[in-house]
Amino acid sequence: MYLVHARFHIAPPSAVPDLLKELARQSLRADDRVEHLSVHPHPPQQFTLGFYLFSQSLREAEDHARGVCTRLLSDARWLPPARLLSVGVPLIPPALLDEWPGAPRY
């Protein structure tokens, strides 16, 4: 399973919808194959959708999330004019790994 973050920017003067989490989840379809969706609003003009996807590879997960985002941008009437800024797996800085219990030591 991969967590893929998709970052969006909403064109001013519009802002992040108040019901972003509920609306985004309701917009998913069964064939989107999203196991879980996290929503991170960054008002006034940005938000991130976190897609948890079962995929064979990182590239497949990112491509699939990008496809879902493209559909949302074209079909979701609740979403103000926005553009997709990036799609990718969030990275953890190596320095933080040292703080995790059980993390391998290199």
PDB file of N, CA and C in Angstrom:
ATOM      1  N   MET A   1       0.856  -1.169   0.000  1.00  0.00           N
ATOM      2  CA  MET A   1       0.000   0.000   0.000  1.00  0.00           C
ATOM      3  C   MET A   1       0.902   1.232   0.000  1.00  0.00           C
ATOM      4  N   TYR A   2       0.479   2.214  -0.759  1.00  0.00           N
ATOM      5  CA  TYR A   2       1.230   3.464  -0.860  1.00  0.00           C
ATOM      6  C   TYR A   2       0.352   4.631  -0.421  1.00  0.00           C
ATOM      7  N   LEU A   3       0.978   5.595   0.225  1.00  0.00           N
ATOM      8  CA  LEU A   3       0.331   6.870   0.515  1.00  0.00           C
ATOM      9  C   LEU A   3       0.854   7.860  -0.510  1.00  0.00           C
ATOM     10  N   VAL A   4      -0.056   8.427  -1.287  1.00  0.00           N
ATOM     11  CA  VAL A   4       0.322   9.393  -2.319  1.00  0.00           C
ATOM     12  C   VAL A   4      -0.375  10.711  -2.009  1.00  0.00           C
ATOM     13  N   HIS A   5       0.406  11.773  -1.905  1.00  0.00           N
ATOM     14  CA  HIS A   5      -0.144  13.103  -1.662  1.00  0.00           C
ATOM     15  C   HIS A   5      -0.323  13.846  -2.980  1.00  0.00           C
ATOM     16  N   ALA A   6      -1.475  14.490  -3.109  1.00  0.00           N
ATOM     17  CA  ALA A   6      -1.759  15.346  -4.268  1.00  0.00           C
ATOM     18  C   ALA A   6      -2.028  16.751  -3.726  1.00  0.00           C
ATOM     19  N   ARG A   7      -1.220  17.697  -4.164  1.00  0.00           N
ATOM     20  CA  ARG A   7      -1.359  19.078  -3.697  1.00  0.00           C
ATOM     21  C   ARG A   7      -2.079  19.907  -4.759  1.00  0.00           C
ATOM     22  N   PHE A   8      -3.027  20.722  -4.302  1.00  0.00           N
ATOM     23  CA  PHE A   8      -3.844  21.555  -5.174  1.00  0.00           C
ATOM     24  C   PHE A   8      -3.739  23.020  -4.782  1.00  0.00           C
ATOM     25  N   HIS A   9      -3.924  23.880  -5.767  1.00  0.00           N
ATOM     26  CA  HIS A   9      -4.021  25.329  -5.532  1.00  0.00           C
ATOM     27  C   HIS A   9      -5.308  25.822  -6.170  1.00  0.00           C
ATOM     28  N   ILE A  10      -6.113  26.514  -5.384  1.00  0.00           N
ATOM     29  CA  ILE A  10      -7.374  27.067  -5.865  1.00  0.00           C
ATOM     30  C   ILE A  10      -7.130  28.498  -6.319  1.00  0.00           C
ATOM     31  N   ALA A  11      -7.671  28.814  -7.496  1.00  0.00           N
ATOM     32  CA  ALA A  11      -7.488  30.160  -8.054  1.00  0.00           C
ATOM     33  C   ALA A  11      -8.227  31.190  -7.203  1.00  0.00           C
ATOM     34  N   PRO A  12      -7.535  32.287  -6.832  1.00  0.00           N
ATOM     35  CA  PRO A  12      -8.216  33.359  -6.097  1.00  0.00           C
ATOM     36  C   PRO A  12      -9.280  33.989  -6.978  1.00  0.00           C
ATOM     37  N   PRO A  13     -10.313  34.527  -6.459  1.00  0.00           N
ATOM     38  CA  PRO A  13     -10.590  34.796  -5.046  1.00  0.00           C
ATOM     39  C   PRO A  13     -11.267  33.635  -4.338  1.00  0.00           C
ATOM     40  N   SER A  14     -11.441  32.493  -4.997  1.00  0.00           N
ATOM     41  CA  SER A  14     -12.061  31.340  -4.347  1.00  0.00           C
ATOM     42  C   SER A  14     -11.169  30.830  -3.222  1.00  0.00           C
ATOM     43  N   ALA A  15     -11.757  30.007  -2.357  1.00  0.00           N
ATOM     44  CA  ALA A  15     -11.013  29.463  -1.227  1.00  0.00           C
ATOM     45  C   ALA A  15     -11.352  27.985  -1.066  1.00  0.00           C
ATOM     46  N   VAL A  16     -10.640  27.336  -0.163  1.00  0.00           N
ATOM     47  CA  VAL A  16     -10.871  25.928   0.124  1.00  0.00           C
ATOM     48  C   VAL A  16     -12.303  25.765   0.646  1.00  0.00           C
ATOM     49  N   PRO A  17     -13.085  24.856   0.044  1.00  0.00           N
ATOM     50  CA  PRO A  17     -14.469  24.655   0.502  1.00  0.00           C
ATOM     51  C   PRO A  17     -14.521  24.196   1.954  1.00  0.00           C
ATOM     52  N   ASP A  18     -15.504  24.678   2.701  1.00  0.00           N
ATOM     53  CA  ASP A  18     -15.652  24.314   4.108  1.00  0.00           C
ATOM     54  C   ASP A  18     -15.857  22.816   4.294  1.00  0.00           C
ATOM     55  N   LEU A  19     -16.569  22.185   3.395  1.00  0.00           N
ATOM     56  CA  LEU A  19     -16.871  20.758   3.508  1.00  0.00           C
ATOM     57  C   LEU A  19     -15.942  19.910   2.647  1.00  0.00           C
ATOM     58  N   LEU A  20     -14.706  20.337   2.489  1.00  0.00           N
ATOM     59  CA  LEU A  20     -13.748  19.673   1.603  1.00  0.00           C
ATOM     60  C   LEU A  20     -13.645  18.176   1.881  1.00  0.00           C
ATOM     61  N   LYS A  21     -13.480  17.790   3.133  1.00  0.00           N
ATOM     62  CA  LYS A  21     -13.298  16.385   3.472  1.00  0.00           C
ATOM     63  C   LYS A  21     -14.500  15.548   3.030  1.00  0.00           C
ATOM     64  N   GLU A  22     -15.690  15.967   3.399  1.00  0.00           N
ATOM     65  CA  GLU A  22     -16.890  15.215   3.059  1.00  0.00           C
ATOM     66  C   GLU A  22     -17.117  15.165   1.552  1.00  0.00           C
ATOM     67  N   LEU A  23     -16.944  16.299   0.886  1.00  0.00           N
ATOM     68  CA  LEU A  23     -17.178  16.369  -0.553  1.00  0.00           C
ATOM     69  C   LEU A  23     -16.174  15.526  -1.334  1.00  0.00           C
ATOM     70  N   ALA A  24     -14.913  15.567  -0.920  1.00  0.00           N
ATOM     71  CA  ALA A  24     -13.881  14.778  -1.607  1.00  0.00           C
ATOM     72  C   ALA A  24     -14.169  13.285  -1.458  1.00  0.00           C
ATOM     73  N   ARG A  25     -14.519  12.862  -0.258  1.00  0.00           N
ATOM     74  CA  ARG A  25     -14.798  11.432  -0.039  1.00  0.00           C
ATOM     75  C   ARG A  25     -16.032  10.986  -0.820  1.00  0.00           C
ATOM     76  N   GLN A  26     -17.053  11.830  -0.871  1.00  0.00           N
ATOM     77  CA  GLN A  26     -18.265  11.481  -1.616  1.00  0.00           C
ATOM     78  C   GLN A  26     -18.012  11.403  -3.119  1.00  0.00           C
ATOM     79  N   SER A  27     -16.980  12.066  -3.595  1.00  0.00           N
ATOM     80  CA  SER A  27     -16.682  12.100  -5.030  1.00  0.00           C
ATOM     81  C   SER A  27     -15.915  10.879  -5.512  1.00  0.00           C
ATOM     82  N   LEU A  28     -15.419  10.069  -4.587  1.00  0.00           N
ATOM     83  CA  LEU A  28     -14.691   8.862  -4.991  1.00  0.00           C
ATOM     84  C   LEU A  28     -15.659   7.815  -5.515  1.00  0.00           C
ATOM     85  N   ARG A  29     -15.174   7.042  -6.485  1.00  0.00           N
ATOM     86  CA  ARG A  29     -15.961   5.941  -7.056  1.00  0.00           C
ATOM     87  C   ARG A  29     -15.294   4.621  -6.682  1.00  0.00           C
ATOM     88  N   ALA A  30     -16.048   3.544  -6.761  1.00  0.00           N
ATOM     89  CA  ALA A  30     -15.506   2.224  -6.426  1.00  0.00           C
ATOM     90  C   ALA A  30     -14.291   1.886  -7.291  1.00  0.00           C
ATOM     91  N   ASP A  31     -14.321   2.258  -8.575  1.00  0.00           N
ATOM     92  CA  ASP A  31     -13.202   1.926  -9.455  1.00  0.00           C
ATOM     93  C   ASP A  31     -11.980   2.828  -9.235  1.00  0.00           C
ATOM     94  N   ASP A  32     -12.078   3.796  -8.316  1.00  0.00           N
ATOM     95  CA  ASP A  32     -10.900   4.602  -7.960  1.00  0.00           C
ATOM     96  C   ASP A  32      -9.916   3.786  -7.124  1.00  0.00           C
ATOM     97  N   ARG A  33     -10.396   2.690  -6.516  1.00  0.00           N
ATOM     98  CA  ARG A  33      -9.557   1.780  -5.718  1.00  0.00           C
ATOM     99  C   ARG A  33      -8.791   2.500  -4.605  1.00  0.00           C
ATOM    100  N   VAL A  34      -9.431   3.505  -4.015  1.00  0.00           N
ATOM    101  CA  VAL A  34      -8.821   4.235  -2.902  1.00  0.00           C
ATOM    102  C   VAL A  34      -9.266   3.560  -1.607  1.00  0.00           C
ATOM    103  N   GLU A  35      -8.304   3.060  -0.848  1.00  0.00           N
ATOM    104  CA  GLU A  35      -8.615   2.394   0.416  1.00  0.00           C
ATOM    105  C   GLU A  35      -8.985   3.395   1.497  1.00  0.00           C
ATOM    106  N   HIS A  36      -8.334   4.525   1.504  1.00  0.00           N
ATOM    107  CA  HIS A  36      -8.596   5.568   2.496  1.00  0.00           C
ATOM    108  C   HIS A  36      -8.178   6.900   1.885  1.00  0.00           C
ATOM    109  N   LEU A  37      -8.882   7.951   2.236  1.00  0.00           N
ATOM    110  CA  LEU A  37      -8.560   9.291   1.753  1.00  0.00           C
ATOM    111  C   LEU A  37      -8.391  10.210   2.949  1.00  0.00           C
ATOM    112  N   SER A  38      -7.250  10.862   3.043  1.00  0.00           N
ATOM    113  CA  SER A  38      -7.061  11.891   4.059  1.00  0.00           C
ATOM    114  C   SER A  38      -7.101  13.243   3.359  1.00  0.00           C
ATOM    115  N   VAL A  39      -7.593  14.229   4.067  1.00  0.00           N
ATOM    116  CA  VAL A  39      -7.774  15.555   3.492  1.00  0.00           C
ATOM    117  C   VAL A  39      -7.106  16.565   4.415  1.00  0.00           C
ATOM    118  N   HIS A  40      -6.248  17.395   3.836  1.00  0.00           N
ATOM    119  CA  HIS A  40      -5.505  18.394   4.607  1.00  0.00           C
ATOM    120  C   HIS A  40      -5.727  19.776   3.989  1.00  0.00           C
ATOM    121  N   PRO A  41      -6.683  20.557   4.523  1.00  0.00           N
ATOM    122  CA  PRO A  41      -6.876  21.907   3.997  1.00  0.00           C
ATOM    123  C   PRO A  41      -5.746  22.819   4.462  1.00  0.00           C
ATOM    124  N   HIS A  42      -5.311  23.680   3.570  1.00  0.00           N
ATOM    125  CA  HIS A  42      -4.304  24.698   3.872  1.00  0.00           C
ATOM    126  C   HIS A  42      -4.856  26.043   3.390  1.00  0.00           C
ATOM    127  N   PRO A  43      -5.887  26.561   4.092  1.00  0.00           N
ATOM    128  CA  PRO A  43      -6.536  27.795   3.637  1.00  0.00           C
ATOM    129  C   PRO A  43      -5.529  28.929   3.518  1.00  0.00           C
ATOM    130  N   PRO A  44      -5.791  29.899   2.684  1.00  0.00           N
ATOM    131  CA  PRO A  44      -7.050  30.038   1.967  1.00  0.00           C
ATOM    132  C   PRO A  44      -7.090  29.333   0.612  1.00  0.00           C
ATOM    133  N   GLN A  45      -5.952  29.071  -0.045  1.00  0.00           N
ATOM    134  CA  GLN A  45      -6.015  28.586  -1.421  1.00  0.00           C
ATOM    135  C   GLN A  45      -5.415  27.214  -1.691  1.00  0.00           C
ATOM    136  N   GLN A  46      -4.941  26.497  -0.700  1.00  0.00           N
ATOM    137  CA  GLN A  46      -4.321  25.205  -1.002  1.00  0.00           C
ATOM    138  C   GLN A  46      -4.900  24.085  -0.154  1.00  0.00           C
ATOM    139  N   PHE A  47      -4.813  22.871  -0.684  1.00  0.00           N
ATOM    140  CA  PHE A  47      -5.181  21.688   0.083  1.00  0.00           C
ATOM    141  C   PHE A  47      -4.439  20.486  -0.488  1.00  0.00           C
ATOM    142  N   THR A  48      -4.362  19.441   0.338  1.00  0.00           N
ATOM    143  CA  THR A  48      -3.708  18.203  -0.043  1.00  0.00           C
ATOM    144  C   THR A  48      -4.678  17.050   0.173  1.00  0.00           C
ATOM    145  N   LEU A  49      -4.751  16.170  -0.801  1.00  0.00           N
ATOM    146  CA  LEU A  49      -5.492  14.919  -0.649  1.00  0.00           C
ATOM    147  C   LEU A  49      -4.468  13.797  -0.518  1.00  0.00           C
ATOM    148  N   GLY A  50      -4.632  12.964   0.490  1.00  0.00           N
ATOM    149  CA  GLY A  50      -3.753  11.819   0.697  1.00  0.00           C
ATOM    150  C   GLY A  50      -4.482  10.542   0.331  1.00  0.00           C
ATOM    151  N   PHE A  51      -4.032   9.872  -0.711  1.00  0.00           N
ATOM    152  CA  PHE A  51      -4.658   8.643  -1.198  1.00  0.00           C
ATOM    153  C   PHE A  51      -3.876   7.430  -0.699  1.00  0.00           C
ATOM    154  N   TYR A  52      -4.553   6.510  -0.026  1.00  0.00           N
ATOM    155  CA  TYR A  52      -3.961   5.234   0.341  1.00  0.00           C
ATOM    156  C   TYR A  52      -4.415   4.228  -0.705  1.00  0.00           C
ATOM    157  N   LEU A  53      -3.453   3.711  -1.465  1.00  0.00           N
ATOM    158  CA  LEU A  53      -3.760   2.856  -2.612  1.00  0.00           C
ATOM    159  C   LEU A  53      -2.961   1.556  -2.559  1.00  0.00           C
ATOM    160  N   PHE A  54      -3.618   0.439  -2.919  1.00  0.00           N
ATOM    161  CA  PHE A  54      -2.898  -0.800  -3.161  1.00  0.00           C
ATOM    162  C   PHE A  54      -2.444  -0.773  -4.609  1.00  0.00           C
ATOM    163  N   SER A  55      -1.149  -0.865  -4.838  1.00  0.00           N
ATOM    164  CA  SER A  55      -0.593  -0.848  -6.190  1.00  0.00           C
ATOM    165  C   SER A  55       0.627  -1.756  -6.236  1.00  0.00           C
ATOM    166  N   GLN A  56       0.984  -2.141  -7.452  1.00  0.00           N
ATOM    167  CA  GLN A  56       2.152  -2.996  -7.651  1.00  0.00           C
ATOM    168  C   GLN A  56       3.463  -2.227  -7.541  1.00  0.00           C
ATOM    169  N   SER A  57       3.400  -0.914  -7.746  1.00  0.00           N
ATOM    170  CA  SER A  57       4.627  -0.125  -7.705  1.00  0.00           C
ATOM    171  C   SER A  57       4.309   1.316  -7.317  1.00  0.00           C
ATOM    172  N   LEU A  58       5.329   2.025  -6.932  1.00  0.00           N
ATOM    173  CA  LEU A  58       5.200   3.437  -6.600  1.00  0.00           C
ATOM    174  C   LEU A  58       4.698   4.226  -7.805  1.00  0.00           C
ATOM    175  N   ARG A  59       5.274   3.974  -8.962  1.00  0.00           N
ATOM    176  CA  ARG A  59       4.863   4.689 -10.173  1.00  0.00           C
ATOM    177  C   ARG A  59       3.385   4.448 -10.478  1.00  0.00           C
ATOM    178  N   GLU A  60       2.939   3.208 -10.356  1.00  0.00           N
ATOM    179  CA  GLU A  60       1.537   2.894 -10.613  1.00  0.00           C
ATOM    180  C   GLU A  60       0.628   3.639  -9.629  1.00  0.00           C
ATOM    181  N   ALA A  61       1.020   3.693  -8.360  1.00  0.00           N
ATOM    182  CA  ALA A  61       0.219   4.390  -7.345  1.00  0.00           C
ATOM    183  C   ALA A  61       0.138   5.880  -7.657  1.00  0.00           C
ATOM    184  N   GLU A  62       1.262   6.486  -8.015  1.00  0.00           N
ATOM    185  CA  GLU A  62       1.263   7.918  -8.338  1.00  0.00           C
ATOM    186  C   GLU A  62       0.443   8.198  -9.594  1.00  0.00           C
ATOM    187  N   ASP A  63       0.597   7.366 -10.614  1.00  0.00           N
ATOM    188  CA  ASP A  63      -0.172   7.556 -11.850  1.00  0.00           C
ATOM    189  C   ASP A  63      -1.667   7.406 -11.592  1.00  0.00           C
ATOM    190  N   HIS A  64      -2.024   6.432 -10.765  1.00  0.00           N
ATOM    191  CA  HIS A  64      -3.438   6.215 -10.464  1.00  0.00           C
ATOM    192  C   HIS A  64      -4.017   7.414  -9.693  1.00  0.00           C
ATOM    193  N   ALA A  65      -3.288   7.889  -8.688  1.00  0.00           N
ATOM    194  CA  ALA A  65      -3.748   9.051  -7.925  1.00  0.00           C
ATOM    195  C   ALA A  65      -3.885  10.274  -8.831  1.00  0.00           C
ATOM    196  N   ARG A  66      -2.927  10.448  -9.746  1.00  0.00           N
ATOM    197  CA  ARG A  66      -2.990  11.573 -10.687  1.00  0.00           C
ATOM    198  C   ARG A  66      -4.256  11.480 -11.543  1.00  0.00           C
ATOM    199  N   GLY A  67      -4.608  10.277 -11.972  1.00  0.00           N
ATOM    200  CA  GLY A  67      -5.824  10.085 -12.762  1.00  0.00           C
ATOM    201  C   GLY A  67      -7.083  10.427 -11.980  1.00  0.00           C
ATOM    202  N   VAL A  68      -7.137  10.017 -10.709  1.00  0.00           N
ATOM    203  CA  VAL A  68      -8.294  10.355  -9.863  1.00  0.00           C
ATOM    204  C   VAL A  68      -8.378  11.870  -9.699  1.00  0.00           C
ATOM    205  N   CYS A  69      -7.250  12.519  -9.486  1.00  0.00           N
ATOM    206  CA  CYS A  69      -7.234  13.979  -9.321  1.00  0.00           C
ATOM    207  C   CYS A  69      -7.695  14.694 -10.589  1.00  0.00           C
ATOM    208  N   THR A  70      -7.254  14.213 -11.723  1.00  0.00           N
ATOM    209  CA  THR A  70      -7.663  14.814 -12.995  1.00  0.00           C
ATOM    210  C   THR A  70      -9.171  14.717 -13.166  1.00  0.00           C
ATOM    211  N   ARG A  71      -9.729  13.560 -12.818  1.00  0.00           N
ATOM    212  CA  ARG A  71     -11.183  13.398 -12.893  1.00  0.00           C
ATOM    213  C   ARG A  71     -11.887  14.339 -11.920  1.00  0.00           C
ATOM    214  N   LEU A  72     -11.380  14.440 -10.695  1.00  0.00           N
ATOM    215  CA  LEU A  72     -11.998  15.345  -9.722  1.00  0.00           C
ATOM    216  C   LEU A  72     -11.977  16.789 -10.222  1.00  0.00           C
ATOM    217  N   LEU A  73     -10.861  17.194 -10.809  1.00  0.00           N
ATOM    218  CA  LEU A  73     -10.763  18.566 -11.310  1.00  0.00           C
ATOM    219  C   LEU A  73     -11.756  18.837 -12.428  1.00  0.00           C
ATOM    220  N   SER A  74     -12.056  17.838 -13.234  1.00  0.00           N
ATOM    221  CA  SER A  74     -12.970  18.069 -14.356  1.00  0.00           C
ATOM    222  C   SER A  74     -14.426  17.809 -14.002  1.00  0.00           C
ATOM    223  N   ASP A  75     -14.687  16.905 -13.032  1.00  0.00           N
ATOM    224  CA  ASP A  75     -16.068  16.496 -12.748  1.00  0.00           C
ATOM    225  C   ASP A  75     -16.669  17.058 -11.477  1.00  0.00           C
ATOM    226  N   ALA A  76     -15.860  17.383 -10.504  1.00  0.00           N
ATOM    227  CA  ALA A  76     -16.391  17.794  -9.196  1.00  0.00           C
ATOM    228  C   ALA A  76     -16.899  19.232  -9.246  1.00  0.00           C
ATOM    229  N   ARG A  77     -18.204  19.378  -9.314  1.00  0.00           N
ATOM    230  CA  ARG A  77     -18.820  20.713  -9.390  1.00  0.00           C
ATOM    231  C   ARG A  77     -18.631  21.521  -8.112  1.00  0.00           C
ATOM    232  N   TRP A  78     -18.380  20.836  -6.999  1.00  0.00           N
ATOM    233  CA  TRP A  78     -18.198  21.512  -5.719  1.00  0.00           C
ATOM    234  C   TRP A  78     -16.824  22.165  -5.596  1.00  0.00           C
ATOM    235  N   LEU A  79     -15.898  21.748  -6.456  1.00  0.00           N
ATOM    236  CA  LEU A  79     -14.528  22.245  -6.367  1.00  0.00           C
ATOM    237  C   LEU A  79     -14.374  23.523  -7.183  1.00  0.00           C
ATOM    238  N   PRO A  80     -13.951  24.622  -6.539  1.00  0.00           N
ATOM    239  CA  PRO A  80     -13.716  25.843  -7.310  1.00  0.00           C
ATOM    240  C   PRO A  80     -12.557  25.625  -8.290  1.00  0.00           C
ATOM    241  N   PRO A  81     -12.390  26.515  -9.267  1.00  0.00           N
ATOM    242  CA  PRO A  81     -11.276  26.348 -10.219  1.00  0.00           C
ATOM    243  C   PRO A  81      -9.952  26.148  -9.475  1.00  0.00           C
ATOM    244  N   ALA A  82      -9.289  25.048  -9.806  1.00  0.00           N
ATOM    245  CA  ALA A  82      -8.049  24.692  -9.115  1.00  0.00           C
ATOM    246  C   ALA A  82      -7.106  24.035 -10.098  1.00  0.00           C
ATOM    247  N   ARG A  83      -5.847  23.936  -9.689  1.00  0.00           N
ATOM    248  CA  ARG A  83      -4.874  23.197 -10.495  1.00  0.00           C
ATOM    249  C   ARG A  83      -4.088  22.266  -9.589  1.00  0.00           C
ATOM    250  N   LEU A  84      -3.678  21.183 -10.173  1.00  0.00           N
ATOM    251  CA  LEU A  84      -2.893  20.182  -9.462  1.00  0.00           C
ATOM    252  C   LEU A  84      -1.435  20.636  -9.456  1.00  0.00           C
ATOM    253  N   LEU A  85      -0.861  20.793  -8.266  1.00  0.00           N
ATOM    254  CA  LEU A  85       0.525  21.248  -8.155  1.00  0.00           C
ATOM    255  C   LEU A  85       1.515  20.089  -8.224  1.00  0.00           C
ATOM    256  N   SER A  86       1.199  18.995  -7.539  1.00  0.00           N
ATOM    257  CA  SER A  86       2.121  17.853  -7.527  1.00  0.00           C
ATOM    258  C   SER A  86       1.396  16.608  -7.051  1.00  0.00           C
ATOM    259  N   VAL A  87       1.947  15.469  -7.439  1.00  0.00           N
ATOM    260  CA  VAL A  87       1.455  14.163  -6.995  1.00  0.00           C
ATOM    261  C   VAL A  87       2.691  13.329  -6.676  1.00  0.00           C
ATOM    262  N   GLY A  88       2.762  12.806  -5.456  1.00  0.00           N
ATOM    263  CA  GLY A  88       3.911  11.987  -5.113  1.00  0.00           C
ATOM    264  C   GLY A  88       3.828  11.443  -3.699  1.00  0.00           C
ATOM    265  N   VAL A  89       4.693  10.493  -3.426  1.00  0.00           N
ATOM    266  CA  VAL A  89       4.777   9.910  -2.099  1.00  0.00           C
ATOM    267  C   VAL A  89       5.520  10.892  -1.203  1.00  0.00           C
ATOM    268  N   PRO A  90       4.947  11.203  -0.040  1.00  0.00           N
ATOM    269  CA  PRO A  90       5.658  12.116   0.864  1.00  0.00           C
ATOM    270  C   PRO A  90       6.935  11.445   1.360  1.00  0.00           C
ATOM    271  N   LEU A  91       7.986  12.196   1.412  1.00  0.00           N
ATOM    272  CA  LEU A  91       9.282  11.664   1.836  1.00  0.00           C
ATOM    273  C   LEU A  91       9.565  12.052   3.279  1.00  0.00           C
ATOM    274  N   ILE A  92      10.280  11.188   3.975  1.00  0.00           N
ATOM    275  CA  ILE A  92      10.667  11.445   5.353  1.00  0.00           C
ATOM    276  C   ILE A  92      12.157  11.756   5.363  1.00  0.00           C
ATOM    277  N   PRO A  93      12.539  12.899   5.924  1.00  0.00           N
ATOM    278  CA  PRO A  93      13.967  13.205   6.001  1.00  0.00           C
ATOM    279  C   PRO A  93      14.705  12.135   6.806  1.00  0.00           C
ATOM    280  N   PRO A  94      15.875  11.698   6.324  1.00  0.00           N
ATOM    281  CA  PRO A  94      16.627  10.640   7.017  1.00  0.00           C
ATOM    282  C   PRO A  94      16.877  10.946   8.494  1.00  0.00           C
ATOM    283  N   ALA A  95      17.042  12.218   8.858  1.00  0.00           N
ATOM    284  CA  ALA A  95      17.301  12.567  10.258  1.00  0.00           C
ATOM    285  C   ALA A  95      16.148  12.132  11.162  1.00  0.00           C
ATOM    286  N   LEU A  96      14.928  12.159  10.657  1.00  0.00           N
ATOM    287  CA  LEU A  96      13.778  11.753  11.465  1.00  0.00           C
ATOM    288  C   LEU A  96      13.746  10.244  11.705  1.00  0.00           C
ATOM    289  N   LEU A  97      14.319   9.471  10.797  1.00  0.00           N
ATOM    290  CA  LEU A  97      14.318   8.020  10.956  1.00  0.00           C
ATOM    291  C   LEU A  97      15.043   7.595  12.222  1.00  0.00           C
ATOM    292  N   ASP A  98      16.071   8.347  12.625  1.00  0.00           N
ATOM    293  CA  ASP A  98      16.820   8.014  13.833  1.00  0.00           C
ATOM    294  C   ASP A  98      15.954   8.091  15.087  1.00  0.00           C
ATOM    295  N   GLU A  99      14.882   8.863  15.025  1.00  0.00           N
ATOM    296  CA  GLU A  99      14.020   9.050  16.192  1.00  0.00           C
ATOM    297  C   GLU A  99      12.953   7.965  16.313  1.00  0.00           C
ATOM    298  N   TRP A 100      12.767   7.144  15.296  1.00  0.00           N
ATOM    299  CA  TRP A 100      11.718   6.127  15.308  1.00  0.00           C
ATOM    300  C   TRP A 100      12.198   4.866  16.003  1.00  0.00           C
ATOM    301  N   PRO A 101      11.440   4.379  16.998  1.00  0.00           N
ATOM    302  CA  PRO A 101      11.833   3.125  17.654  1.00  0.00           C
ATOM    303  C   PRO A 101      11.812   1.976  16.637  1.00  0.00           C
ATOM    304  N   GLY A 102      12.825   1.169  16.673  1.00  0.00           N
ATOM    305  CA  GLY A 102      12.874   0.016  15.779  1.00  0.00           C
ATOM    306  C   GLY A 102      13.370   0.318  14.386  1.00  0.00           C
ATOM    307  N   ALA A 103      13.688   1.574  14.111  1.00  0.00           N
ATOM    308  CA  ALA A 103      14.191   1.924  12.771  1.00  0.00           C
ATOM    309  C   ALA A 103      15.584   1.324  12.589  1.00  0.00           C
ATOM    310  N   PRO A 104      15.872   0.830  11.369  1.00  0.00           N
ATOM    311  CA  PRO A 104      17.205   0.260  11.133  1.00  0.00           C
ATOM    312  C   PRO A 104      18.286   1.330  11.279  1.00  0.00           C
ATOM    313  N   ARG A 105      19.418   0.923  11.773  1.00  0.00           N
ATOM    314  CA  ARG A 105      20.560   1.831  11.938  1.00  0.00           C
ATOM    315  C   ARG A 105      21.544   1.586  10.793  1.00  0.00           C
ATOM    316  N   TYR A 106      21.948   2.647  10.135  1.00  0.00           N
ATOM    317  CA  TYR A 106      22.878   2.535   9.004  1.00  0.00           C
ATOM    318  C   TYR A 106      24.220   3.097   9.351  1.00  0.00           C
TER     319      TYR A 106
END
